[in-house]
Protein backbone atom coordinates (compact mmCIF):
# COMPACT_ATOMS: atom_id res chain seq x y z
CA MET A 1 -37.62 19.18 -50.74
CA GLU A 2 -36.61 15.72 -48.62
CA ALA A 3 -32.99 17.21 -48.41
CA LEU A 4 -34.47 20.23 -46.08
CA ALA A 5 -36.87 18.14 -44.10
CA VAL A 6 -34.17 15.57 -42.43
CA PRO A 7 -31.82 17.99 -41.25
CA ALA A 8 -34.94 20.03 -39.61
CA MET A 9 -36.52 17.04 -38.16
CA ASN A 10 -32.85 16.28 -36.71
CA MET A 11 -32.43 19.87 -34.89
CA ILE A 12 -36.28 20.54 -34.36
CA ASP A 13 -35.45 20.38 -30.40
CA GLU A 14 -33.48 23.67 -30.93
CA PHE A 15 -36.28 25.76 -32.89
CA LEU A 16 -37.37 28.29 -31.05
CA VAL A 17 -41.33 28.73 -31.49
CA GLN A 18 -40.68 31.28 -34.28
CA ASN A 19 -38.71 28.71 -36.28
CA LEU A 20 -41.57 26.39 -35.69
CA ALA A 21 -44.30 28.62 -37.11
CA ASN A 22 -42.19 30.00 -39.89
CA THR A 23 -41.13 26.42 -41.09
CA VAL A 24 -44.57 25.44 -41.49
CA TRP A 25 -45.91 28.64 -42.77
CA SER A 26 -43.01 28.59 -45.44
CA ILE A 27 -44.35 25.11 -46.69
CA ALA A 28 -48.00 25.29 -46.59
CA PRO A 29 -48.26 27.60 -49.91
CA LEU A 30 -46.40 24.93 -51.99
CA ARG A 31 -48.62 22.17 -50.47
CA TRP A 32 -46.10 20.00 -49.50
CA HIS A 33 -46.79 17.34 -47.00
CA HIS A 34 -43.94 15.63 -45.33
CA GLY A 35 -45.84 13.85 -42.59
CA PRO A 36 -42.59 12.99 -40.23
CA LEU A 37 -41.78 16.61 -40.19
CA LEU A 38 -45.62 17.86 -39.64
CA ALA A 39 -45.37 15.66 -36.95
CA ALA A 40 -42.12 16.86 -35.20
CA ILE A 41 -43.20 20.71 -35.66
CA SER A 42 -46.96 19.60 -34.19
CA ALA A 43 -45.16 17.85 -31.15
CA GLN A 44 -42.77 20.84 -30.43
CA SER A 45 -45.25 23.13 -30.74
CA ARG A 46 -47.42 21.59 -28.28
CA ALA A 47 -44.65 21.55 -25.74
CA LYS A 48 -43.96 25.24 -26.25
CA ILE A 49 -47.22 26.43 -26.82
CA THR A 50 -47.49 29.02 -24.00
CA GLU A 51 -44.47 30.59 -25.38
CA PHE A 52 -46.21 31.79 -28.94
CA TYR A 53 -47.44 35.14 -29.67
CA VAL A 54 -50.10 35.80 -31.48
CA GLN A 55 -48.86 35.56 -35.17
CA GLY A 56 -47.14 32.32 -34.28
CA CYS A 57 -50.50 30.95 -33.24
CA ALA A 58 -52.26 32.40 -36.50
CA ASN A 59 -49.69 31.10 -38.66
CA LEU A 60 -49.53 27.39 -37.09
CA ALA A 61 -53.38 27.17 -37.36
CA TRP A 62 -53.23 28.67 -40.80
CA SER A 63 -50.18 26.50 -42.49
CA PHE A 64 -51.70 23.25 -40.93
CA ALA A 65 -55.02 23.95 -42.30
CA GLN A 66 -53.78 24.84 -45.77
CA LEU A 67 -51.89 21.82 -45.96
CA GLY A 68 -55.41 20.15 -45.27
CA VAL A 69 -53.95 18.36 -42.15
CA LEU A 70 -56.64 18.25 -39.21
CA ASP A 71 -54.17 18.19 -36.38
CA GLU A 72 -56.63 18.00 -33.21
CA PRO A 73 -54.11 18.23 -30.33
CA LEU A 74 -52.32 20.74 -31.92
CA MET A 75 -55.46 22.92 -32.63
CA ASP A 76 -56.63 22.08 -29.55
CA ALA A 77 -53.41 23.57 -27.86
CA ILE A 78 -53.56 26.75 -30.33
CA ALA A 79 -57.28 27.55 -29.23
CA LYS A 80 -56.31 27.22 -25.54
CA SER A 81 -53.18 29.55 -25.88
CA SER A 82 -55.39 31.99 -27.95
CA ILE A 83 -57.89 32.24 -25.19
CA ARG A 84 -54.80 33.56 -22.91
CA ILE A 85 -53.99 36.17 -25.46
CA ILE A 86 -57.13 36.86 -27.37
CA ALA A 87 -56.78 40.79 -26.49
CA GLU A 88 -53.40 40.96 -28.56
CA PHE A 89 -55.09 39.65 -31.66
CA HIS A 90 -55.52 41.79 -34.92
CA VAL A 91 -58.07 41.56 -37.40
CA GLN A 92 -55.94 39.68 -39.79
CA THR A 93 -54.52 37.12 -37.17
CA MET A 94 -58.33 36.68 -35.79
CA ALA A 95 -59.36 36.04 -39.34
CA SER A 96 -56.50 33.41 -40.32
CA THR A 97 -56.82 31.67 -37.34
CA ALA A 98 -60.66 31.49 -37.13
CA TRP A 99 -60.43 30.32 -40.91
CA ALA A 100 -58.31 27.51 -39.72
CA TYR A 101 -61.23 26.02 -37.75
């Protein structure tokens, strides 16, 4: 898995918001905790938080919680962004996001 983390971190600046959310969402069920990669995903996600749609916000929140990572700056950013798009949340995305907190 390390062989995947290093290239991802090297090109994290090029990731679209969906790439960020999908990357952490795909490693969360594996319980693979790579601190530097998660920190890079968090930093980029916070910088691009206003570009995220509902599913991306829900996936980010759920994934970090699933990994047992309490990233307060990221969760604060997700919460603020979610307020902006709250009307677009569906039951499942609302439940996933709420569970993460």
